[in-house]
Amino acid sequence: MTDSNISNIKDKITEFGMRVQRCYGCFVAYRMKDMYLGEDVTFYCEHCKDDSMFHFDQFSAYLDPEKINATDSGHHH
């Protein structure tokens, strides 16, 4: 894997981390990069997480960057 490929993968993960998701505990919106993944594939903030959850830095290492869709500025969900 070349340096440019690694850089491209990191850029995609960083862009994905900037997406907004509501916490399933308090329903406040946070950026994905600040959230924790629960066992049931739900996302929680720092305040609502528990010890069984994984921070974005941990679970993003397992994402396939080729399957991350580009963001659509007109999409509001």
Protein backbone atom coordinates (compact mmCIF):
# COMPACT_ATOMS: atom_id res chain seq x y z
CA MET A 1 0.00 0.00 0.00
CA THR A 2 1.46 3.37 -0.98
CA ASP A 3 1.64 6.49 1.15
CA SER A 4 -1.01 8.16 -1.03
CA ASN A 5 -3.39 5.21 -0.52
CA ILE A 6 -2.88 5.35 3.24
CA SER A 7 -3.45 9.11 3.20
CA ASN A 8 -6.64 8.64 1.15
CA ILE A 9 -7.94 6.05 3.63
CA LYS A 10 -7.20 8.35 6.58
CA ASP A 11 -8.96 11.22 4.79
CA LYS A 12 -12.08 9.09 4.26
CA ILE A 13 -12.15 8.02 7.92
CA THR A 14 -11.66 11.63 9.03
CA GLU A 15 -14.50 12.79 6.77
CA PHE A 16 -16.73 10.00 8.10
CA GLY A 17 -15.92 11.13 11.66
CA MET A 18 -17.29 14.59 10.87
CA ARG A 19 -20.78 13.23 10.21
CA VAL A 20 -23.42 14.01 12.82
CA GLN A 21 -25.30 11.34 14.76
CA ARG A 22 -27.71 11.60 17.69
CA CYS A 23 -26.83 9.87 20.93
CA TYR A 24 -29.31 7.10 21.72
CA GLY A 25 -29.14 7.99 25.41
CA CYS A 26 -29.74 11.75 25.49
CA PHE A 27 -30.66 12.43 21.81
CA VAL A 28 -28.13 15.28 21.54
CA ALA A 29 -26.32 15.43 18.18
CA TYR A 30 -22.56 14.82 18.16
CA ARG A 31 -19.94 14.25 15.50
CA MET A 32 -19.21 10.56 14.95
CA LYS A 33 -15.57 11.11 15.95
CA ASP A 34 -16.74 11.91 19.49
CA MET A 35 -19.08 8.95 19.90
CA TYR A 36 -19.02 5.38 21.18
CA LEU A 37 -20.42 2.32 19.43
CA GLY A 38 -22.71 0.08 21.46
CA GLU A 39 -23.24 -3.68 21.03
CA ASP A 40 -26.54 -3.13 19.24
CA VAL A 41 -24.91 -0.82 16.64
CA THR A 42 -26.17 2.34 18.29
CA PHE A 43 -24.06 5.36 19.11
CA TYR A 44 -23.66 7.07 22.47
CA CYS A 45 -21.94 10.23 23.69
CA GLU A 46 -19.24 10.48 26.36
CA HIS A 47 -21.88 11.06 29.04
CA CYS A 48 -24.18 8.14 28.14
CA LYS A 49 -21.63 5.45 27.22
CA ASP A 50 -20.73 2.46 29.36
CA ASP A 51 -17.57 0.36 29.62
CA SER A 52 -18.69 -2.15 26.98
CA MET A 53 -18.67 0.44 24.17
CA PHE A 54 -15.93 1.34 21.70
CA HIS A 55 -14.77 4.87 20.89
CA PHE A 56 -14.75 6.01 17.26
CA ASP A 57 -10.95 5.69 17.14
CA GLN A 58 -11.30 1.98 17.92
CA PHE A 59 -14.22 1.00 15.69
CA SER A 60 -13.14 3.19 12.75
CA ALA A 61 -10.03 1.01 12.39
CA TYR A 62 -12.35 -1.78 11.21
CA LEU A 63 -14.29 0.30 8.65
CA ASP A 64 -13.84 -0.47 4.97
CA PRO A 65 -13.18 2.97 3.42
CA GLU A 66 -14.37 1.70 0.03
CA LYS A 67 -17.85 1.14 1.48
CA ILE A 68 -18.17 4.58 3.06
CA ASN A 69 -20.50 6.63 0.90
CA ALA A 70 -19.65 10.22 0.09
CA THR A 71 -21.66 12.75 2.03
CA ASP A 72 -24.50 14.46 0.24
CA SER A 73 -24.85 18.11 1.22
CA GLY A 74 -28.57 18.02 0.36
CA HIS A 75 -29.23 15.02 2.60
CA HIS A 76 -30.53 16.08 6.00
CA HIS A 77 -30.68 12.79 7.96
